[in-house]
Amino acid sequence: MIGLDTNVLTRYIAQDDPLQSSRADAIVESLTVGEPGWVSIATLLEVVWVLKSTMRVGRERIGRIISQFLTLDQFVVEQSILVERALRQYEKGNADFADYLIAASAQAAGCSRTVTFDRIAARDAGMELIG
């Protein structure tokens, strides 16, 4: 298995730097079921942040990209069940992907509630608004 950093995945997705994108292409296209790419939760959250904040990619496309990481056999996503649960909610709601993943992770850990100051996360991600 090969660990994939955020910058490798974003260069592969964006194709915005000729040299780095071609190197990222070579790595990603070399991945197989026998030697897949590891996508950590931290990497996934950073990829989503870069796509949204820097590249101005919309929710629908971000959802498709996350879905590809989850469904393609050449990728292994850390905590894929939680990521998939968060993705389903993200596709329907208005909160950030990270909020849905935080809420899903807390629930899986047995937390009785997840508290936040973020009104959208409270409304859409099932967190409890405090303050």
C-alpha atoms as a PDB file:
ATOM      1  CA  MET A   1       0.000   0.000   0.000  1.00  0.00           C
ATOM      2  CA  ILE A   2       1.166   3.524  -0.794  1.00  0.00           C
ATOM      3  CA  GLY A   3       0.144   6.479   1.358  1.00  0.00           C
ATOM      4  CA  LEU A   4      -1.147   9.420  -0.663  1.00  0.00           C
ATOM      5  CA  ASP A   5      -0.683  12.991   0.499  1.00  0.00           C
ATOM      6  CA  THR A   6      -3.142  15.780  -0.209  1.00  0.00           C
ATOM      7  CA  ASN A   7      -0.939  17.501  -2.759  1.00  0.00           C
ATOM      8  CA  VAL A   8      -0.596  14.341  -4.858  1.00  0.00           C
ATOM      9  CA  LEU A   9      -4.358  13.825  -4.983  1.00  0.00           C
ATOM     10  CA  THR A  10      -5.175  17.475  -5.648  1.00  0.00           C
ATOM     11  CA  ARG A  11      -2.617  17.656  -8.482  1.00  0.00           C
ATOM     12  CA  TYR A  12      -4.139  14.488  -9.949  1.00  0.00           C
ATOM     13  CA  ILE A  13      -7.670  15.907  -9.699  1.00  0.00           C
ATOM     14  CA  ALA A  14      -6.929  19.492 -10.758  1.00  0.00           C
ATOM     15  CA  GLN A  15      -4.265  18.894 -13.416  1.00  0.00           C
ATOM     16  CA  ASP A  16      -3.071  22.433 -12.696  1.00  0.00           C
ATOM     17  CA  ASP A  17       0.714  21.998 -12.662  1.00  0.00           C
ATOM     18  CA  PRO A  18       2.243  20.224 -15.672  1.00  0.00           C
ATOM     19  CA  LEU A  19       5.226  18.716 -13.864  1.00  0.00           C
ATOM     20  CA  GLN A  20       3.564  17.750 -10.579  1.00  0.00           C
ATOM     21  CA  SER A  21       0.324  16.652 -12.239  1.00  0.00           C
ATOM     22  CA  SER A  22       2.170  14.263 -14.557  1.00  0.00           C
ATOM     23  CA  ARG A  23       4.029  12.799 -11.577  1.00  0.00           C
ATOM     24  CA  ALA A  24       0.780  12.482  -9.631  1.00  0.00           C
ATOM     25  CA  ASP A  25      -0.830  10.813 -12.666  1.00  0.00           C
ATOM     26  CA  ALA A  26       1.986   8.261 -12.780  1.00  0.00           C
ATOM     27  CA  ILE A  27       1.552   7.398  -9.095  1.00  0.00           C
ATOM     28  CA  VAL A  28      -2.244   7.214  -9.114  1.00  0.00           C
ATOM     29  CA  GLU A  29      -2.384   5.298 -12.389  1.00  0.00           C
ATOM     30  CA  SER A  30       0.130   2.769 -11.028  1.00  0.00           C
ATOM     31  CA  LEU A  31      -2.143   1.864  -8.105  1.00  0.00           C
ATOM     32  CA  THR A  32      -3.670  -1.603  -8.165  1.00  0.00           C
ATOM     33  CA  VAL A  33      -5.777  -3.827  -5.967  1.00  0.00           C
ATOM     34  CA  GLY A  34      -2.514  -5.506  -4.895  1.00  0.00           C
ATOM     35  CA  GLU A  35      -0.820  -2.176  -4.163  1.00  0.00           C
ATOM     36  CA  PRO A  36      -3.562   0.371  -3.512  1.00  0.00           C
ATOM     37  CA  GLY A  37      -3.311   3.976  -2.420  1.00  0.00           C
ATOM     38  CA  TRP A  38      -4.093   4.763   1.233  1.00  0.00           C
ATOM     39  CA  VAL A  39      -6.266   7.840   1.729  1.00  0.00           C
ATOM     40  CA  SER A  40      -6.280   8.871   5.374  1.00  0.00           C
ATOM     41  CA  ILE A  41      -9.134  10.843   6.880  1.00  0.00           C
ATOM     42  CA  ALA A  42      -6.762  13.798   7.327  1.00  0.00           C
ATOM     43  CA  THR A  43      -5.822  13.680   3.650  1.00  0.00           C
ATOM     44  CA  LEU A  44      -9.444  13.376   2.590  1.00  0.00           C
ATOM     45  CA  LEU A  45     -10.473  16.372   4.696  1.00  0.00           C
ATOM     46  CA  GLU A  46      -7.604  18.425   3.289  1.00  0.00           C
ATOM     47  CA  VAL A  47      -8.521  17.440  -0.281  1.00  0.00           C
ATOM     48  CA  VAL A  48     -12.114  18.547   0.297  1.00  0.00           C
ATOM     49  CA  TRP A  49     -10.924  21.820   1.825  1.00  0.00           C
ATOM     50  CA  VAL A  50      -8.559  22.550  -1.092  1.00  0.00           C
ATOM     51  CA  LEU A  51     -11.219  21.691  -3.663  1.00  0.00           C
ATOM     52  CA  LYS A  52     -13.807  23.898  -1.987  1.00  0.00           C
ATOM     53  CA  SER A  53     -11.710  26.816  -0.794  1.00  0.00           C
ATOM     54  CA  THR A  54      -8.934  27.139  -3.345  1.00  0.00           C
ATOM     55  CA  MET A  55     -10.383  25.585  -6.481  1.00  0.00           C
ATOM     56  CA  ARG A  56     -14.020  26.600  -5.890  1.00  0.00           C
ATOM     57  CA  VAL A  57     -15.309  23.106  -6.711  1.00  0.00           C
ATOM     58  CA  GLY A  58     -18.997  22.630  -5.930  1.00  0.00           C
ATOM     59  CA  ARG A  59     -20.566  20.161  -3.492  1.00  0.00           C
ATOM     60  CA  GLU A  60     -21.833  17.821  -6.196  1.00  0.00           C
ATOM     61  CA  ARG A  61     -18.411  17.355  -7.798  1.00  0.00           C
ATOM     62  CA  ILE A  62     -16.751  17.044  -4.387  1.00  0.00           C
ATOM     63  CA  GLY A  63     -19.263  14.312  -3.573  1.00  0.00           C
ATOM     64  CA  ARG A  64     -18.416  12.469  -6.796  1.00  0.00           C
ATOM     65  CA  ILE A  65     -14.687  12.685  -6.037  1.00  0.00           C
ATOM     66  CA  ILE A  66     -15.101  11.308  -2.506  1.00  0.00           C
ATOM     67  CA  SER A  67     -17.358   8.587  -3.881  1.00  0.00           C
ATOM     68  CA  GLN A  68     -14.658   7.544  -6.348  1.00  0.00           C
ATOM     69  CA  PHE A  69     -12.120   7.158  -3.558  1.00  0.00           C
ATOM     70  CA  LEU A  70     -14.636   4.938  -1.751  1.00  0.00           C
ATOM     71  CA  THR A  71     -15.625   2.786  -4.721  1.00  0.00           C
ATOM     72  CA  LEU A  72     -12.470   2.341  -6.777  1.00  0.00           C
ATOM     73  CA  ASP A  73     -10.536  -0.759  -5.755  1.00  0.00           C
ATOM     74  CA  GLN A  74      -7.154   0.929  -6.101  1.00  0.00           C
ATOM     75  CA  PHE A  75      -7.904   3.181  -3.104  1.00  0.00           C
ATOM     76  CA  VAL A  76      -8.276   2.259   0.555  1.00  0.00           C
ATOM     77  CA  VAL A  77      -9.973   4.968   2.597  1.00  0.00           C
ATOM     78  CA  GLU A  78      -9.424   5.102   6.333  1.00  0.00           C
ATOM     79  CA  GLN A  79     -12.696   4.543   8.233  1.00  0.00           C
ATOM     80  CA  SER A  80     -14.502   4.111   4.914  1.00  0.00           C
ATOM     81  CA  ILE A  81     -17.844   3.270   6.550  1.00  0.00           C
ATOM     82  CA  LEU A  82     -17.821   6.554   8.476  1.00  0.00           C
ATOM     83  CA  VAL A  83     -16.667   8.455   5.402  1.00  0.00           C
ATOM     84  CA  GLU A  84     -19.488   6.932   3.358  1.00  0.00           C
ATOM     85  CA  ARG A  85     -22.047   7.837   6.047  1.00  0.00           C
ATOM     86  CA  ALA A  86     -20.733  11.410   6.154  1.00  0.00           C
ATOM     87  CA  LEU A  87     -20.782  11.605   2.357  1.00  0.00           C
ATOM     88  CA  ARG A  88     -24.457  10.585   2.158  1.00  0.00           C
ATOM     89  CA  GLN A  89     -25.336  13.356   4.604  1.00  0.00           C
ATOM     90  CA  TYR A  90     -23.070  15.897   2.887  1.00  0.00           C
ATOM     91  CA  GLU A  91     -24.792  15.276  -0.434  1.00  0.00           C
ATOM     92  CA  LYS A  92     -28.182  16.128   1.125  1.00  0.00           C
ATOM     93  CA  GLY A  93     -27.259  18.902   3.547  1.00  0.00           C
ATOM     94  CA  ASN A  94     -25.548  22.256   3.824  1.00  0.00           C
ATOM     95  CA  ALA A  95     -22.886  21.682   6.482  1.00  0.00           C
ATOM     96  CA  ASP A  96     -19.241  21.117   5.618  1.00  0.00           C
ATOM     97  CA  PHE A  97     -18.076  17.583   4.900  1.00  0.00           C
ATOM     98  CA  ALA A  98     -15.809  17.770   7.954  1.00  0.00           C
ATOM     99  CA  ASP A  99     -18.837  18.476  10.172  1.00  0.00           C
ATOM    100  CA  TYR A 100     -20.627  15.367   8.973  1.00  0.00           C
ATOM    101  CA  LEU A 101     -17.492  13.283   9.447  1.00  0.00           C
ATOM    102  CA  ILE A 102     -16.927  14.663  12.953  1.00  0.00           C
ATOM    103  CA  ALA A 103     -20.518  13.854  13.905  1.00  0.00           C
ATOM    104  CA  ALA A 104     -20.333  10.348  12.399  1.00  0.00           C
ATOM    105  CA  SER A 105     -17.014   9.654  14.146  1.00  0.00           C
ATOM    106  CA  ALA A 106     -18.341  10.835  17.505  1.00  0.00           C
ATOM    107  CA  GLN A 107     -21.463   8.714  17.141  1.00  0.00           C
ATOM    108  CA  ALA A 108     -19.368   5.654  16.218  1.00  0.00           C
ATOM    109  CA  ALA A 109     -17.207   6.286  19.287  1.00  0.00           C
ATOM    110  CA  GLY A 110     -20.297   6.140  21.480  1.00  0.00           C
ATOM    111  CA  CYS A 111     -20.643   9.853  22.199  1.00  0.00           C
ATOM    112  CA  SER A 112     -24.096  10.818  23.413  1.00  0.00           C
ATOM    113  CA  ARG A 113     -23.832  14.127  21.541  1.00  0.00           C
ATOM    114  CA  THR A 114     -21.436  16.349  19.654  1.00  0.00           C
ATOM    115  CA  VAL A 115     -21.486  20.000  20.634  1.00  0.00           C
ATOM    116  CA  THR A 116     -20.689  22.946  18.389  1.00  0.00           C
ATOM    117  CA  PHE A 117     -20.962  26.710  18.015  1.00  0.00           C
ATOM    118  CA  ASP A 118     -21.690  26.220  14.282  1.00  0.00           C
ATOM    119  CA  ARG A 119     -25.402  26.723  13.581  1.00  0.00           C
ATOM    120  CA  ILE A 120     -25.312  24.916  10.229  1.00  0.00           C
ATOM    121  CA  ALA A 121     -23.480  21.913  11.725  1.00  0.00           C
ATOM    122  CA  ALA A 122     -26.056  21.794  14.507  1.00  0.00           C
ATOM    123  CA  ARG A 123     -28.969  21.992  12.104  1.00  0.00           C
ATOM    124  CA  ASP A 124     -27.690  19.693   9.326  1.00  0.00           C
ATOM    125  CA  ALA A 125     -25.013  17.435  10.845  1.00  0.00           C
ATOM    126  CA  GLY A 126     -26.949  16.516  13.983  1.00  0.00           C
ATOM    127  CA  MET A 127     -24.719  18.328  16.424  1.00  0.00           C
ATOM    128  CA  GLU A 128     -25.965  20.197  19.452  1.00  0.00           C
ATOM    129  CA  LEU A 129     -25.669  23.974  19.352  1.00  0.00           C
ATOM    130  CA  ILE A 130     -24.198  25.504  22.483  1.00  0.00           C
ATOM    131  CA  GLY A 131     -23.935  29.111  23.489  1.00  0.00           C
END
